[in-house]
Amino acid sequence: MTHLYVQVIAVAVGLGVCIPLFGLIFDTLWALAADSVRGWLARTPRRMAAVGGTSGLMMIGLGTSLAFTGRKD
């Protein structure tokens, strides 16, 4: 019976180590990919202006939709 408890504890510790490790690896990969895409976008002012305009339109659209729908409290 104690052998089963040892296995359960080993699996719990293994998952407790693996899950944050996978999160760290994949978050690092996302950050590196975002950095390379930002570098590509920043090479020309026209691309940066397009990104700024697009993000501005998205903020206006989200704000407008929130203003018309309101909060669901």
PDB file of N, CA and C in Angstrom:
ATOM      1  N   MET A   1       0.815  -1.184   0.000  1.00  0.00           N
ATOM      2  CA  MET A   1       0.000   0.000   0.000  1.00  0.00           C
ATOM      3  C   MET A   1       0.871   1.264   0.000  1.00  0.00           C
ATOM      4  N   THR A   2       1.974   1.255   0.711  1.00  0.00           N
ATOM      5  CA  THR A   2       2.831   2.443   0.749  1.00  0.00           C
ATOM      6  C   THR A   2       3.503   2.684  -0.598  1.00  0.00           C
ATOM      7  N   HIS A   3       3.686   1.605  -1.379  1.00  0.00           N
ATOM      8  CA  HIS A   3       4.287   1.759  -2.707  1.00  0.00           C
ATOM      9  C   HIS A   3       3.393   2.627  -3.600  1.00  0.00           C
ATOM     10  N   LEU A   4       2.088   2.477  -3.464  1.00  0.00           N
ATOM     11  CA  LEU A   4       1.144   3.277  -4.229  1.00  0.00           C
ATOM     12  C   LEU A   4       1.242   4.753  -3.838  1.00  0.00           C
ATOM     13  N   TYR A   5       1.375   5.027  -2.554  1.00  0.00           N
ATOM     14  CA  TYR A   5       1.512   6.417  -2.098  1.00  0.00           C
ATOM     15  C   TYR A   5       2.788   7.053  -2.643  1.00  0.00           C
ATOM     16  N   VAL A   6       3.843   6.295  -2.697  1.00  0.00           N
ATOM     17  CA  VAL A   6       5.109   6.806  -3.240  1.00  0.00           C
ATOM     18  C   VAL A   6       4.942   7.136  -4.714  1.00  0.00           C
ATOM     19  N   GLN A   7       4.248   6.295  -5.446  1.00  0.00           N
ATOM     20  CA  GLN A   7       4.007   6.564  -6.862  1.00  0.00           C
ATOM     21  C   GLN A   7       3.148   7.811  -7.051  1.00  0.00           C
ATOM     22  N   VAL A   8       2.120   7.952  -6.250  1.00  0.00           N
ATOM     23  CA  VAL A   8       1.247   9.116  -6.351  1.00  0.00           C
ATOM     24  C   VAL A   8       2.028  10.389  -6.048  1.00  0.00           C
ATOM     25  N   ILE A   9       2.838  10.364  -5.028  1.00  0.00           N
ATOM     26  CA  ILE A   9       3.647  11.533  -4.676  1.00  0.00           C
ATOM     27  C   ILE A   9       4.655  11.830  -5.773  1.00  0.00           C
ATOM     28  N   ALA A  10       5.266  10.800  -6.353  1.00  0.00           N
ATOM     29  CA  ALA A  10       6.227  11.008  -7.429  1.00  0.00           C
ATOM     30  C   ALA A  10       5.562  11.648  -8.649  1.00  0.00           C
ATOM     31  N   VAL A  11       4.372  11.197  -8.987  1.00  0.00           N
ATOM     32  CA  VAL A  11       3.645  11.779 -10.123  1.00  0.00           C
ATOM     33  C   VAL A  11       3.264  13.223  -9.819  1.00  0.00           C
ATOM     34  N   ALA A  12       2.806  13.490  -8.613  1.00  0.00           N
ATOM     35  CA  ALA A  12       2.419  14.853  -8.241  1.00  0.00           C
ATOM     36  C   ALA A  12       3.617  15.795  -8.289  1.00  0.00           C
ATOM     37  N   VAL A  13       4.750  15.352  -7.798  1.00  0.00           N
ATOM     38  CA  VAL A  13       5.958  16.177  -7.841  1.00  0.00           C
ATOM     39  C   VAL A  13       6.412  16.358  -9.281  1.00  0.00           C
ATOM     40  N   GLY A  14       6.347  15.292 -10.069  1.00  0.00           N
ATOM     41  CA  GLY A  14       6.739  15.382 -11.474  1.00  0.00           C
ATOM     42  C   GLY A  14       5.876  16.374 -12.232  1.00  0.00           C
ATOM     43  N   LEU A  15       4.577  16.334 -12.026  1.00  0.00           N
ATOM     44  CA  LEU A  15       3.686  17.300 -12.675  1.00  0.00           C
ATOM     45  C   LEU A  15       3.908  18.704 -12.133  1.00  0.00           C
ATOM     46  N   GLY A  16       4.180  18.800 -10.859  1.00  0.00           N
ATOM     47  CA  GLY A  16       4.439  20.101 -10.259  1.00  0.00           C
ATOM     48  C   GLY A  16       5.696  20.752 -10.803  1.00  0.00           C
ATOM     49  N   VAL A  17       6.628  19.958 -11.299  1.00  0.00           N
ATOM     50  CA  VAL A  17       7.845  20.500 -11.906  1.00  0.00           C
ATOM     51  C   VAL A  17       7.649  20.714 -13.403  1.00  0.00           C
ATOM     52  N   CYS A  18       6.996  19.775 -14.072  1.00  0.00           N
ATOM     53  CA  CYS A  18       6.868  19.844 -15.535  1.00  0.00           C
ATOM     54  C   CYS A  18       5.960  20.970 -16.008  1.00  0.00           C
ATOM     55  N   ILE A  19       4.851  21.175 -15.361  1.00  0.00           N
ATOM     56  CA  ILE A  19       3.888  22.169 -15.837  1.00  0.00           C
ATOM     57  C   ILE A  19       4.479  23.582 -15.818  1.00  0.00           C
ATOM     58  N   PRO A  20       5.105  24.046 -14.728  1.00  0.00           N
ATOM     59  CA  PRO A  20       5.725  25.378 -14.792  1.00  0.00           C
ATOM     60  C   PRO A  20       6.899  25.433 -15.776  1.00  0.00           C
ATOM     61  N   LEU A  21       7.619  24.334 -15.915  1.00  0.00           N
ATOM     62  CA  LEU A  21       8.735  24.298 -16.865  1.00  0.00           C
ATOM     63  C   LEU A  21       8.229  24.449 -18.293  1.00  0.00           C
ATOM     64  N   PHE A  22       7.160  23.746 -18.636  1.00  0.00           N
ATOM     65  CA  PHE A  22       6.569  23.894 -19.973  1.00  0.00           C
ATOM     66  C   PHE A  22       6.056  25.316 -20.175  1.00  0.00           C
ATOM     67  N   GLY A  23       5.439  25.887 -19.161  1.00  0.00           N
ATOM     68  CA  GLY A  23       4.969  27.263 -19.255  1.00  0.00           C
ATOM     69  C   GLY A  23       6.111  28.229 -19.506  1.00  0.00           C
ATOM     70  N   LEU A  24       7.207  28.046 -18.812  1.00  0.00           N
ATOM     71  CA  LEU A  24       8.373  28.907 -19.009  1.00  0.00           C
ATOM     72  C   LEU A  24       8.929  28.770 -20.420  1.00  0.00           C
ATOM     73  N   ILE A  25       9.019  27.544 -20.905  1.00  0.00           N
ATOM     74  CA  ILE A  25       9.551  27.308 -22.255  1.00  0.00           C
ATOM     75  C   ILE A  25       8.655  27.948 -23.302  1.00  0.00           C
ATOM     76  N   PHE A  26       7.363  27.693 -23.242  1.00  0.00           N
ATOM     77  CA  PHE A  26       6.466  28.198 -24.274  1.00  0.00           C
ATOM     78  C   PHE A  26       6.277  29.709 -24.184  1.00  0.00           C
ATOM     79  N   ASP A  27       6.271  30.275 -22.978  1.00  0.00           N
ATOM     80  CA  ASP A  27       6.187  31.730 -22.857  1.00  0.00           C
ATOM     81  C   ASP A  27       7.442  32.393 -23.417  1.00  0.00           C
ATOM     82  N   THR A  28       8.588  31.764 -23.207  1.00  0.00           N
ATOM     83  CA  THR A  28       9.832  32.279 -23.778  1.00  0.00           C
ATOM     84  C   THR A  28       9.787  32.237 -25.297  1.00  0.00           C
ATOM     85  N   LEU A  29       9.275  31.141 -25.854  1.00  0.00           N
ATOM     86  CA  LEU A  29       9.168  31.046 -27.310  1.00  0.00           C
ATOM     87  C   LEU A  29       8.221  32.101 -27.872  1.00  0.00           C
ATOM     88  N   TRP A  30       7.086  32.343 -27.186  1.00  0.00           N
ATOM     89  CA  TRP A  30       6.155  33.384 -27.624  1.00  0.00           C
ATOM     90  C   TRP A  30       6.819  34.751 -27.583  1.00  0.00           C
ATOM     91  N   ALA A  31       7.576  35.015 -26.531  1.00  0.00           N
ATOM     92  CA  ALA A  31       8.241  36.313 -26.402  1.00  0.00           C
ATOM     93  C   ALA A  31       9.275  36.507 -27.510  1.00  0.00           C
ATOM     94  N   LEU A  32      10.042  35.468 -27.822  1.00  0.00           N
ATOM     95  CA  LEU A  32      11.035  35.567 -28.897  1.00  0.00           C
ATOM     96  C   LEU A  32      10.364  35.769 -30.252  1.00  0.00           C
ATOM     97  N   ALA A  33       9.249  35.074 -30.478  1.00  0.00           N
ATOM     98  CA  ALA A  33       8.528  35.241 -31.742  1.00  0.00           C
ATOM     99  C   ALA A  33       7.951  36.653 -31.843  1.00  0.00           C
ATOM    100  N   ALA A  34       7.387  37.162 -30.753  1.00  0.00           N
ATOM    101  CA  ALA A  34       6.835  38.516 -30.768  1.00  0.00           C
ATOM    102  C   ALA A  34       7.922  39.548 -31.000  1.00  0.00           C
ATOM    103  N   ASP A  35       9.098  39.317 -30.431  1.00  0.00           N
ATOM    104  CA  ASP A  35      10.209  40.241 -30.635  1.00  0.00           C
ATOM    105  C   ASP A  35      10.658  40.261 -32.086  1.00  0.00           C
ATOM    106  N   SER A  36      10.724  39.102 -32.710  1.00  0.00           N
ATOM    107  CA  SER A  36      11.158  39.072 -34.108  1.00  0.00           C
ATOM    108  C   SER A  36      10.107  39.701 -35.029  1.00  0.00           C
ATOM    109  N   VAL A  37       8.827  39.493 -34.740  1.00  0.00           N
ATOM    110  CA  VAL A  37       7.774  40.121 -35.552  1.00  0.00           C
ATOM    111  C   VAL A  37       7.803  41.636 -35.362  1.00  0.00           C
ATOM    112  N   ARG A  38       8.010  42.101 -34.129  1.00  0.00           N
ATOM    113  CA  ARG A  38       8.091  43.537 -33.881  1.00  0.00           C
ATOM    114  C   ARG A  38       9.294  44.132 -34.606  1.00  0.00           C
ATOM    115  N   GLY A  39      10.409  43.419 -34.603  1.00  0.00           N
ATOM    116  CA  GLY A  39      11.583  43.888 -35.335  1.00  0.00           C
ATOM    117  C   GLY A  39      11.305  44.018 -36.825  1.00  0.00           C
ATOM    118  N   TRP A  40      10.582  43.048 -37.360  1.00  0.00           N
ATOM    119  CA  TRP A  40      10.227  43.100 -38.784  1.00  0.00           C
ATOM    120  C   TRP A  40       9.292  44.274 -39.063  1.00  0.00           C
ATOM    121  N   LEU A  41       8.313  44.486 -38.187  1.00  0.00           N
ATOM    122  CA  LEU A  41       7.376  45.589 -38.375  1.00  0.00           C
ATOM    123  C   LEU A  41       8.060  46.950 -38.225  1.00  0.00           C
ATOM    124  N   ALA A  42       9.056  47.034 -37.347  1.00  0.00           N
ATOM    125  CA  ALA A  42       9.695  48.321 -37.057  1.00  0.00           C
ATOM    126  C   ALA A  42      10.704  48.738 -38.114  1.00  0.00           C
ATOM    127  N   ARG A  43      11.000  47.876 -39.071  1.00  0.00           N
ATOM    128  CA  ARG A  43      11.992  48.229 -40.088  1.00  0.00           C
ATOM    129  C   ARG A  43      11.545  49.366 -40.993  1.00  0.00           C
ATOM    130  N   THR A  44      10.249  49.488 -41.200  1.00  0.00           N
ATOM    131  CA  THR A  44       9.764  50.572 -42.052  1.00  0.00           C
ATOM    132  C   THR A  44       8.714  51.380 -41.294  1.00  0.00           C
ATOM    133  N   PRO A  45       8.774  52.686 -41.424  1.00  0.00           N
ATOM    134  CA  PRO A  45       7.786  53.529 -40.729  1.00  0.00           C
ATOM    135  C   PRO A  45       6.357  53.288 -41.223  1.00  0.00           C
ATOM    136  N   ARG A  46       6.223  52.878 -42.472  1.00  0.00           N
ATOM    137  CA  ARG A  46       4.878  52.633 -43.008  1.00  0.00           C
ATOM    138  C   ARG A  46       4.201  51.480 -42.265  1.00  0.00           C
ATOM    139  N   ARG A  47       4.960  50.422 -41.991  1.00  0.00           N
ATOM    140  CA  ARG A  47       4.375  49.292 -41.246  1.00  0.00           C
ATOM    141  C   ARG A  47       3.994  49.712 -39.836  1.00  0.00           C
ATOM    142  N   MET A  48       4.854  50.493 -39.176  1.00  0.00           N
ATOM    143  CA  MET A  48       4.540  50.934 -37.812  1.00  0.00           C
ATOM    144  C   MET A  48       3.316  51.843 -37.800  1.00  0.00           C
ATOM    145  N   ALA A  49       3.171  52.672 -38.824  1.00  0.00           N
ATOM    146  CA  ALA A  49       1.980  53.519 -38.913  1.00  0.00           C
ATOM    147  C   ALA A  49       0.734  52.666 -39.108  1.00  0.00           C
ATOM    148  N   ALA A  50       0.856  51.608 -39.904  1.00  0.00           N
ATOM    149  CA  ALA A  50      -0.287  50.717 -40.116  1.00  0.00           C
ATOM    150  C   ALA A  50      -0.667  50.005 -38.821  1.00  0.00           C
ATOM    151  N   VAL A  51       0.333  49.566 -38.055  1.00  0.00           N
ATOM    152  CA  VAL A  51       0.052  48.912 -36.776  1.00  0.00           C
ATOM    153  C   VAL A  51      -0.611  49.899 -35.815  1.00  0.00           C
ATOM    154  N   GLY A  52      -0.094  51.122 -35.774  1.00  0.00           N
ATOM    155  CA  GLY A  52      -0.689  52.132 -34.895  1.00  0.00           C
ATOM    156  C   GLY A  52      -2.119  52.456 -35.286  1.00  0.00           C
ATOM    157  N   GLY A  53      -2.359  52.590 -36.583  1.00  0.00           N
ATOM    158  CA  GLY A  53      -3.720  52.874 -37.043  1.00  0.00           C
ATOM    159  C   GLY A  53      -4.671  51.732 -36.763  1.00  0.00           C
ATOM    160  N   THR A  54      -4.206  50.516 -36.991  1.00  0.00           N
ATOM    161  CA  THR A  54      -5.047  49.344 -36.742  1.00  0.00           C
ATOM    162  C   THR A  54      -5.377  49.208 -35.259  1.00  0.00           C
ATOM    163  N   SER A  55      -4.375  49.387 -34.403  1.00  0.00           N
ATOM    164  CA  SER A  55      -4.652  49.262 -32.970  1.00  0.00           C
ATOM    165  C   SER A  55      -5.564  50.392 -32.486  1.00  0.00           C
ATOM    166  N   GLY A  56      -5.409  51.579 -33.054  1.00  0.00           N
ATOM    167  CA  GLY A  56      -6.308  52.673 -32.691  1.00  0.00           C
ATOM    168  C   GLY A  56      -7.749  52.388 -33.077  1.00  0.00           C
ATOM    169  N   LEU A  57      -7.943  51.865 -34.277  1.00  0.00           N
ATOM    170  CA  LEU A  57      -9.297  51.498 -34.709  1.00  0.00           C
ATOM    171  C   LEU A  57      -9.894  50.406 -33.829  1.00  0.00           C
ATOM    172  N   MET A  58      -9.067  49.455 -33.427  1.00  0.00           N
ATOM    173  CA  MET A  58      -9.568  48.390 -32.549  1.00  0.00           C
ATOM    174  C   MET A  58      -9.995  48.957 -31.206  1.00  0.00           C
ATOM    175  N   MET A  59      -9.214  49.897 -30.653  1.00  0.00           N
ATOM    176  CA  MET A  59      -9.583  50.506 -29.375  1.00  0.00           C
ATOM    177  C   MET A  59     -10.889  51.281 -29.496  1.00  0.00           C
ATOM    178  N   ILE A  60     -11.054  52.005 -30.598  1.00  0.00           N
ATOM    179  CA  ILE A  60     -12.303  52.752 -30.817  1.00  0.00           C
ATOM    180  C   ILE A  60     -13.471  51.778 -30.947  1.00  0.00           C
ATOM    181  N   GLY A  61     -13.273  50.701 -31.698  1.00  0.00           N
ATOM    182  CA  GLY A  61     -14.336  49.718 -31.870  1.00  0.00           C
ATOM    183  C   GLY A  61     -14.720  49.035 -30.573  1.00  0.00           C
ATOM    184  N   LEU A  62     -13.724  48.650 -29.776  1.00  0.00           N
ATOM    185  CA  LEU A  62     -14.022  48.004 -28.496  1.00  0.00           C
ATOM    186  C   LEU A  62     -14.704  48.974 -27.534  1.00  0.00           C
ATOM    187  N   GLY A  63     -14.232  50.216 -27.506  1.00  0.00           N
ATOM    188  CA  GLY A  63     -14.867  51.210 -26.637  1.00  0.00           C
ATOM    189  C   GLY A  63     -16.298  51.487 -27.045  1.00  0.00           C
ATOM    190  N   THR A  64     -16.543  51.568 -28.354  1.00  0.00           N
ATOM    191  CA  THR A  64     -17.902  51.805 -28.843  1.00  0.00           C
ATOM    192  C   THR A  64     -18.822  50.641 -28.495  1.00  0.00           C
ATOM    193  N   SER A  65     -18.318  49.427 -28.692  1.00  0.00           N
ATOM    194  CA  SER A  65     -19.160  48.265 -28.372  1.00  0.00           C
ATOM    195  C   SER A  65     -19.449  48.195 -26.879  1.00  0.00           C
ATOM    196  N   LEU A  66     -18.480  48.556 -26.055  1.00  0.00           N
ATOM    197  CA  LEU A  66     -18.720  48.565 -24.614  1.00  0.00           C
ATOM    198  C   LEU A  66     -19.714  49.663 -24.235  1.00  0.00           C
ATOM    199  N   ALA A  67     -19.624  50.808 -24.910  1.00  0.00           N
ATOM    200  CA  ALA A  67     -20.545  51.913 -24.609  1.00  0.00           C
ATOM    201  C   ALA A  67     -21.984  51.529 -24.959  1.00  0.00           C
ATOM    202  N   PHE A  68     -22.177  50.773 -26.024  1.00  0.00           N
ATOM    203  CA  PHE A  68     -23.542  50.424 -26.440  1.00  0.00           C
ATOM    204  C   PHE A  68     -24.096  49.226 -25.689  1.00  0.00           C
ATOM    205  N   THR A  69     -23.234  48.294 -25.300  1.00  0.00           N
ATOM    206  CA  THR A  69     -23.738  47.104 -24.609  1.00  0.00           C
ATOM    207  C   THR A  69     -23.776  47.286 -23.102  1.00  0.00           C
ATOM    208  N   GLY A  70     -22.867  48.064 -22.552  1.00  0.00           N
ATOM    209  CA  GLY A  70     -22.840  48.278 -21.112  1.00  0.00           C
ATOM    210  C   GLY A  70     -22.286  47.076 -20.375  1.00  0.00           C
ATOM    211  N   ARG A  71     -22.223  47.218 -19.068  1.00  0.00           N
ATOM    212  CA  ARG A  71     -21.736  46.133 -18.210  1.00  0.00           C
ATOM    213  C   ARG A  71     -22.892  45.215 -17.838  1.00  0.00           C
ATOM    214  N   LYS A  72     -22.588  43.960 -17.698  1.00  0.00           N
ATOM    215  CA  LYS A  72     -23.602  42.961 -17.326  1.00  0.00           C
ATOM    216  C   LYS A  72     -23.445  42.600 -15.850  1.00  0.00           C
ATOM    217  N   ASP A  73     -23.753  43.549 -14.975  1.00  0.00           N
ATOM    218  CA  ASP A  73     -23.607  43.288 -13.524  1.00  0.00           C
ATOM    219  C   ASP A  73     -24.807  42.599 -12.971  1.00  0.00           C
TER     220      ASP A  73
END
